[in-house]
């Protein structure tokens, strides 16, 4: 994948956001081929999004700043 800027910085979402996304996609019919393509696109996307850092780890630790 190229170096695109994504809005989402971390994988973890709060429950309100997860519920809103779920409601927005509920009840929309999709063919099996469409579902497979969405599934693959999401796998590719999520490989680019990092997990939220654990407490105690600073941004300097992540980027290697001294």
PDB file of N, CA and C in Angstrom:
ATOM      1  N   UNK A   1       0.833  -1.184   0.000  1.00  0.00           N
ATOM      2  CA  UNK A   1       0.000   0.000   0.000  1.00  0.00           C
ATOM      3  C   UNK A   1       0.878   1.248   0.000  1.00  0.00           C
ATOM      4  N   UNK A   2       0.396   2.293  -0.599  1.00  0.00           N
ATOM      5  CA  UNK A   2       1.189   3.520  -0.623  1.00  0.00           C
ATOM      6  C   UNK A   2       1.051   4.267   0.701  1.00  0.00           C
ATOM      7  N   UNK A   3       1.757   5.346   0.851  1.00  0.00           N
ATOM      8  CA  UNK A   3       1.777   6.102   2.105  1.00  0.00           C
ATOM      9  C   UNK A   3       0.600   7.063   2.200  1.00  0.00           C
ATOM     10  N   UNK A   4      -0.586   6.529   2.405  1.00  0.00           N
ATOM     11  CA  UNK A   4      -1.771   7.361   2.559  1.00  0.00           C
ATOM     12  C   UNK A   4      -1.931   7.733   4.025  1.00  0.00           C
ATOM     13  N   UNK A   5      -2.514   8.884   4.272  1.00  0.00           N
ATOM     14  CA  UNK A   5      -2.806   9.293   5.638  1.00  0.00           C
ATOM     15  C   UNK A   5      -4.220   8.840   5.980  1.00  0.00           C
ATOM     16  N   UNK A   6      -4.353   8.065   7.029  1.00  0.00           N
ATOM     17  CA  UNK A   6      -5.648   7.586   7.474  1.00  0.00           C
ATOM     18  C   UNK A   6      -6.135   8.434   8.633  1.00  0.00           C
ATOM     19  N   UNK A   7      -7.449   8.576   8.763  1.00  0.00           N
ATOM     20  CA  UNK A   7      -8.010   9.318   9.881  1.00  0.00           C
ATOM     21  C   UNK A   7      -7.798   8.565  11.181  1.00  0.00           C
ATOM     22  N   UNK A   8      -7.899   7.260  11.128  1.00  0.00           N
ATOM     23  CA  UNK A   8      -7.783   6.442  12.330  1.00  0.00           C
ATOM     24  C   UNK A   8      -6.309   6.194  12.625  1.00  0.00           C
ATOM     25  N   UNK A   9      -5.881   6.501  13.845  1.00  0.00           N
ATOM     26  CA  UNK A   9      -4.492   6.300  14.221  1.00  0.00           C
ATOM     27  C   UNK A   9      -4.277   4.989  14.952  1.00  0.00           C
ATOM     28  N   UNK A  10      -5.280   4.519  15.682  1.00  0.00           N
ATOM     29  CA  UNK A  10      -5.151   3.314  16.498  1.00  0.00           C
ATOM     30  C   UNK A  10      -6.269   2.343  16.143  1.00  0.00           C
ATOM     31  N   UNK A  11      -6.052   1.078  16.415  1.00  0.00           N
ATOM     32  CA  UNK A  11      -7.050   0.050  16.138  1.00  0.00           C
ATOM     33  C   UNK A  11      -8.224   0.121  17.102  1.00  0.00           C
ATOM     34  N   UNK A  12      -7.977   0.460  18.330  1.00  0.00           N
ATOM     35  CA  UNK A  12      -9.011   0.427  19.352  1.00  0.00           C
ATOM     36  C   UNK A  12      -9.983   1.600  19.184  1.00  0.00           C
ATOM     37  N   UNK A  13     -11.280   1.300  19.212  1.00  0.00           N
ATOM     38  CA  UNK A  13     -12.314   2.319  19.104  1.00  0.00           C
ATOM     39  C   UNK A  13     -13.166   2.279  20.367  1.00  0.00           C
ATOM     40  N   UNK A  14     -13.774   3.411  20.713  1.00  0.00           N
ATOM     41  CA  UNK A  14     -14.658   3.392  21.869  1.00  0.00           C
ATOM     42  C   UNK A  14     -15.984   2.739  21.475  1.00  0.00           C
ATOM     43  N   UNK A  15     -16.756   2.307  22.467  1.00  0.00           N
ATOM     44  CA  UNK A  15     -17.993   1.558  22.220  1.00  0.00           C
ATOM     45  C   UNK A  15     -19.037   2.370  21.462  1.00  0.00           C
ATOM     46  N   UNK A  16     -19.103   3.671  21.698  1.00  0.00           N
ATOM     47  CA  UNK A  16     -20.076   4.524  21.007  1.00  0.00           C
ATOM     48  C   UNK A  16     -19.790   4.534  19.501  1.00  0.00           C
ATOM     49  N   UNK A  17     -18.542   4.658  19.132  1.00  0.00           N
ATOM     50  CA  UNK A  17     -18.157   4.674  17.722  1.00  0.00           C
ATOM     51  C   UNK A  17     -18.445   3.329  17.071  1.00  0.00           C
ATOM     52  N   UNK A  18     -18.135   2.237  17.769  1.00  0.00           N
ATOM     53  CA  UNK A  18     -18.395   0.904  17.226  1.00  0.00           C
ATOM     54  C   UNK A  18     -19.890   0.691  16.986  1.00  0.00           C
ATOM     55  N   UNK A  19     -20.723   1.146  17.908  1.00  0.00           N
ATOM     56  CA  UNK A  19     -22.170   1.002  17.769  1.00  0.00           C
ATOM     57  C   UNK A  19     -22.691   1.838  16.596  1.00  0.00           C
ATOM     58  N   UNK A  20     -22.183   3.046  16.438  1.00  0.00           N
ATOM     59  CA  UNK A  20     -22.607   3.919  15.344  1.00  0.00           C
ATOM     60  C   UNK A  20     -22.247   3.301  13.985  1.00  0.00           C
ATOM     61  N   UNK A  21     -21.068   2.734  13.869  1.00  0.00           N
ATOM     62  CA  UNK A  21     -20.658   2.085  12.624  1.00  0.00           C
ATOM     63  C   UNK A  21     -21.548   0.877  12.352  1.00  0.00           C
ATOM     64  N   UNK A  22     -21.827   0.105  13.381  1.00  0.00           N
ATOM     65  CA  UNK A  22     -22.668  -1.076  13.240  1.00  0.00           C
ATOM     66  C   UNK A  22     -24.067  -0.707  12.753  1.00  0.00           C
ATOM     67  N   UNK A  23     -24.663   0.315  13.347  1.00  0.00           N
ATOM     68  CA  UNK A  23     -26.006   0.744  12.943  1.00  0.00           C
ATOM     69  C   UNK A  23     -26.039   1.260  11.508  1.00  0.00           C
ATOM     70  N   UNK A  24     -24.977   1.933  11.088  1.00  0.00           N
ATOM     71  CA  UNK A  24     -24.977   2.514   9.743  1.00  0.00           C
ATOM     72  C   UNK A  24     -24.886   1.456   8.651  1.00  0.00           C
ATOM     73  N   UNK A  25     -24.300   0.305   8.938  1.00  0.00           N
ATOM     74  CA  UNK A  25     -24.151  -0.739   7.921  1.00  0.00           C
ATOM     75  C   UNK A  25     -25.195  -1.838   8.032  1.00  0.00           C
ATOM     76  N   UNK A  26     -26.014  -1.801   9.052  1.00  0.00           N
ATOM     77  CA  UNK A  26     -26.998  -2.842   9.284  1.00  0.00           C
ATOM     78  C   UNK A  26     -28.126  -2.774   8.254  1.00  0.00           C
ATOM     79  N   UNK A  27     -28.515  -3.942   7.730  1.00  0.00           N
ATOM     80  CA  UNK A  27     -29.654  -4.018   6.828  1.00  0.00           C
ATOM     81  C   UNK A  27     -29.358  -3.695   5.374  1.00  0.00           C
ATOM     82  N   UNK A  28     -28.109  -3.469   5.016  1.00  0.00           N
ATOM     83  CA  UNK A  28     -27.770  -3.175   3.623  1.00  0.00           C
ATOM     84  C   UNK A  28     -27.398  -4.488   2.925  1.00  0.00           C
ATOM     85  N   UNK A  29     -28.135  -4.879   1.884  1.00  0.00           N
ATOM     86  CA  UNK A  29     -27.852  -6.160   1.225  1.00  0.00           C
ATOM     87  C   UNK A  29     -26.545  -6.106   0.419  1.00  0.00           C
ATOM     88  N   UNK A  30     -25.794  -7.212   0.500  1.00  0.00           N
ATOM     89  CA  UNK A  30     -24.544  -7.312  -0.248  1.00  0.00           C
ATOM     90  C   UNK A  30     -24.408  -8.740  -0.789  1.00  0.00           C
ATOM     91  N   UNK A  31     -23.878  -8.863  -2.003  1.00  0.00           N
ATOM     92  CA  UNK A  31     -23.647 -10.186  -2.571  1.00  0.00           C
ATOM     93  C   UNK A  31     -22.438 -10.816  -1.884  1.00  0.00           C
ATOM     94  N   UNK A  32     -22.297 -12.134  -2.053  1.00  0.00           N
ATOM     95  CA  UNK A  32     -21.151 -12.831  -1.449  1.00  0.00           C
ATOM     96  C   UNK A  32     -19.830 -12.306  -2.013  1.00  0.00           C
ATOM     97  N   UNK A  33     -19.773 -12.012  -3.303  1.00  0.00           N
ATOM     98  CA  UNK A  33     -18.559 -11.474  -3.903  1.00  0.00           C
ATOM     99  C   UNK A  33     -18.215 -10.122  -3.283  1.00  0.00           C
ATOM    100  N   UNK A  34     -19.222  -9.288  -3.094  1.00  0.00           N
ATOM    101  CA  UNK A  34     -19.008  -7.972  -2.488  1.00  0.00           C
ATOM    102  C   UNK A  34     -18.481  -8.127  -1.060  1.00  0.00           C
ATOM    103  N   UNK A  35     -19.049  -9.060  -0.300  1.00  0.00           N
ATOM    104  CA  UNK A  35     -18.595  -9.308   1.077  1.00  0.00           C
ATOM    105  C   UNK A  35     -17.137  -9.759   1.100  1.00  0.00           C
ATOM    106  N   UNK A  36     -16.762 -10.632   0.158  1.00  0.00           N
ATOM    107  CA  UNK A  36     -15.378 -11.107   0.094  1.00  0.00           C
ATOM    108  C   UNK A  36     -14.411  -9.964  -0.205  1.00  0.00           C
ATOM    109  N   UNK A  37     -14.799  -9.101  -1.108  1.00  0.00           N
ATOM    110  CA  UNK A  37     -13.939  -7.967  -1.461  1.00  0.00           C
ATOM    111  C   UNK A  37     -13.816  -6.983  -0.298  1.00  0.00           C
ATOM    112  N   UNK A  38     -14.908  -6.738   0.401  1.00  0.00           N
ATOM    113  CA  UNK A  38     -14.852  -5.871   1.589  1.00  0.00           C
ATOM    114  C   UNK A  38     -13.932  -6.489   2.634  1.00  0.00           C
ATOM    115  N   UNK A  39     -14.090  -7.783   2.872  1.00  0.00           N
ATOM    116  CA  UNK A  39     -13.274  -8.493   3.858  1.00  0.00           C
ATOM    117  C   UNK A  39     -11.780  -8.350   3.538  1.00  0.00           C
ATOM    118  N   UNK A  40     -11.412  -8.559   2.276  1.00  0.00           N
ATOM    119  CA  UNK A  40     -10.001  -8.452   1.890  1.00  0.00           C
ATOM    120  C   UNK A  40      -9.497  -7.018   2.003  1.00  0.00           C
ATOM    121  N   UNK A  41     -10.310  -6.061   1.607  1.00  0.00           N
ATOM    122  CA  UNK A  41      -9.905  -4.657   1.706  1.00  0.00           C
ATOM    123  C   UNK A  41      -9.700  -4.257   3.162  1.00  0.00           C
ATOM    124  N   UNK A  42     -10.559  -4.740   4.055  1.00  0.00           N
ATOM    125  CA  UNK A  42     -10.417  -4.405   5.476  1.00  0.00           C
ATOM    126  C   UNK A  42      -9.180  -5.059   6.077  1.00  0.00           C
ATOM    127  N   UNK A  43      -8.862  -6.278   5.657  1.00  0.00           N
ATOM    128  CA  UNK A  43      -7.636  -6.931   6.133  1.00  0.00           C
ATOM    129  C   UNK A  43      -6.418  -6.112   5.711  1.00  0.00           C
ATOM    130  N   UNK A  44      -6.403  -5.681   4.456  1.00  0.00           N
ATOM    131  CA  UNK A  44      -5.289  -4.863   3.957  1.00  0.00           C
ATOM    132  C   UNK A  44      -5.200  -3.545   4.716  1.00  0.00           C
ATOM    133  N   UNK A  45      -6.353  -2.928   4.969  1.00  0.00           N
ATOM    134  CA  UNK A  45      -6.390  -1.651   5.689  1.00  0.00           C
ATOM    135  C   UNK A  45      -5.865  -1.801   7.115  1.00  0.00           C
ATOM    136  N   UNK A  46      -6.366  -2.818   7.836  1.00  0.00           N
ATOM    137  CA  UNK A  46      -6.015  -2.966   9.252  1.00  0.00           C
ATOM    138  C   UNK A  46      -4.554  -3.345   9.448  1.00  0.00           C
ATOM    139  N   UNK A  47      -3.897  -3.867   8.431  1.00  0.00           N
ATOM    140  CA  UNK A  47      -2.469  -4.146   8.552  1.00  0.00           C
ATOM    141  C   UNK A  47      -1.669  -2.855   8.652  1.00  0.00           C
ATOM    142  N   UNK A  48      -2.237  -1.745   8.203  1.00  0.00           N
ATOM    143  CA  UNK A  48      -1.548  -0.460   8.230  1.00  0.00           C
ATOM    144  C   UNK A  48      -1.809   0.338   9.499  1.00  0.00           C
ATOM    145  N   UNK A  49      -2.840  -0.034  10.286  1.00  0.00           N
ATOM    146  CA  UNK A  49      -3.215   0.724  11.478  1.00  0.00           C
ATOM    147  C   UNK A  49      -2.580   0.072  12.697  1.00  0.00           C
ATOM    148  N   UNK A  50      -1.918   0.864  13.520  1.00  0.00           N
ATOM    149  CA  UNK A  50      -1.211   0.356  14.688  1.00  0.00           C
ATOM    150  C   UNK A  50      -2.138   0.213  15.880  1.00  0.00           C
ATOM    151  N   UNK A  51      -1.686  -0.615  16.844  1.00  0.00           N
ATOM    152  CA  UNK A  51      -2.383  -0.702  18.119  1.00  0.00           C
ATOM    153  C   UNK A  51      -2.059   0.531  18.947  1.00  0.00           C
ATOM    154  N   UNK A  52      -2.979   0.890  19.856  1.00  0.00           N
ATOM    155  CA  UNK A  52      -2.735   2.014  20.762  1.00  0.00           C
ATOM    156  C   UNK A  52      -1.584   1.618  21.691  1.00  0.00           C
ATOM    157  N   UNK A  53      -0.624   2.509  21.919  1.00  0.00           N
ATOM    158  CA  UNK A  53       0.509   2.172  22.788  1.00  0.00           C
ATOM    159  C   UNK A  53       0.050   1.899  24.220  1.00  0.00           C
ATOM    160  N   UNK A  54       0.760   1.007  24.886  1.00  0.00           N
ATOM    161  CA  UNK A  54       0.485   0.697  26.282  1.00  0.00           C
ATOM    162  C   UNK A  54       0.866   1.881  27.153  1.00  0.00           C
ATOM    163  N   UNK A  55       0.225   2.000  28.314  1.00  0.00           N
ATOM    164  CA  UNK A  55       0.571   3.099  29.216  1.00  0.00           C
ATOM    165  C   UNK A  55       2.031   2.951  29.641  1.00  0.00           C
ATOM    166  N   UNK A  56       2.696   4.052  29.796  1.00  0.00           N
ATOM    167  CA  UNK A  56       4.112   4.045  30.144  1.00  0.00           C
ATOM    168  C   UNK A  56       5.021   4.189  28.939  1.00  0.00           C
ATOM    169  N   UNK A  57       4.484   3.987  27.748  1.00  0.00           N
ATOM    170  CA  UNK A  57       5.262   4.150  26.527  1.00  0.00           C
ATOM    171  C   UNK A  57       4.953   5.535  25.976  1.00  0.00           C
ATOM    172  N   UNK A  58       5.990   6.313  25.750  1.00  0.00           N
ATOM    173  CA  UNK A  58       5.794   7.664  25.245  1.00  0.00           C
ATOM    174  C   UNK A  58       5.915   7.692  23.726  1.00  0.00           C
ATOM    175  N   UNK A  59       5.500   8.771  23.117  1.00  0.00           N
ATOM    176  CA  UNK A  59       5.625   8.934  21.670  1.00  0.00           C
ATOM    177  C   UNK A  59       7.102   8.938  21.276  1.00  0.00           C
ATOM    178  N   UNK A  60       7.962   9.491  22.129  1.00  0.00           N
ATOM    179  CA  UNK A  60       9.406   9.475  21.859  1.00  0.00           C
ATOM    180  C   UNK A  60       9.928   8.049  21.758  1.00  0.00           C
ATOM    181  N   UNK A  61       9.403   7.143  22.601  1.00  0.00           N
ATOM    182  CA  UNK A  61       9.804   5.734  22.523  1.00  0.00           C
ATOM    183  C   UNK A  61       9.405   5.141  21.185  1.00  0.00           C
ATOM    184  N   UNK A  62       8.232   5.511  20.693  1.00  0.00           N
ATOM    185  CA  UNK A  62       7.733   4.951  19.440  1.00  0.00           C
ATOM    186  C   UNK A  62       8.497   5.429  18.224  1.00  0.00           C
ATOM    187  N   UNK A  63       8.899   6.702  18.235  1.00  0.00           N
ATOM    188  CA  UNK A  63       9.580   7.249  17.060  1.00  0.00           C
ATOM    189  C   UNK A  63      11.099   7.198  17.184  1.00  0.00           C
ATOM    190  N   UNK A  64      11.593   6.792  18.352  1.00  0.00           N
ATOM    191  CA  UNK A  64      13.030   6.649  18.522  1.00  0.00           C
ATOM    192  C   UNK A  64      13.750   7.949  18.828  1.00  0.00           C
ATOM    193  N   UNK A  65      13.029   8.953  19.305  1.00  0.00           N
ATOM    194  CA  UNK A  65      13.660  10.240  19.668  1.00  0.00           C
ATOM    195  C   UNK A  65      14.455  10.068  20.951  1.00  0.00           C
ATOM    196  N   UNK A  66      15.503  10.814  21.063  1.00  0.00           N
ATOM    197  CA  UNK A  66      16.321  10.750  22.283  1.00  0.00           C
ATOM    198  C   UNK A  66      16.208  11.991  23.087  1.00  0.00           C
TER     199      UNK A  66
END
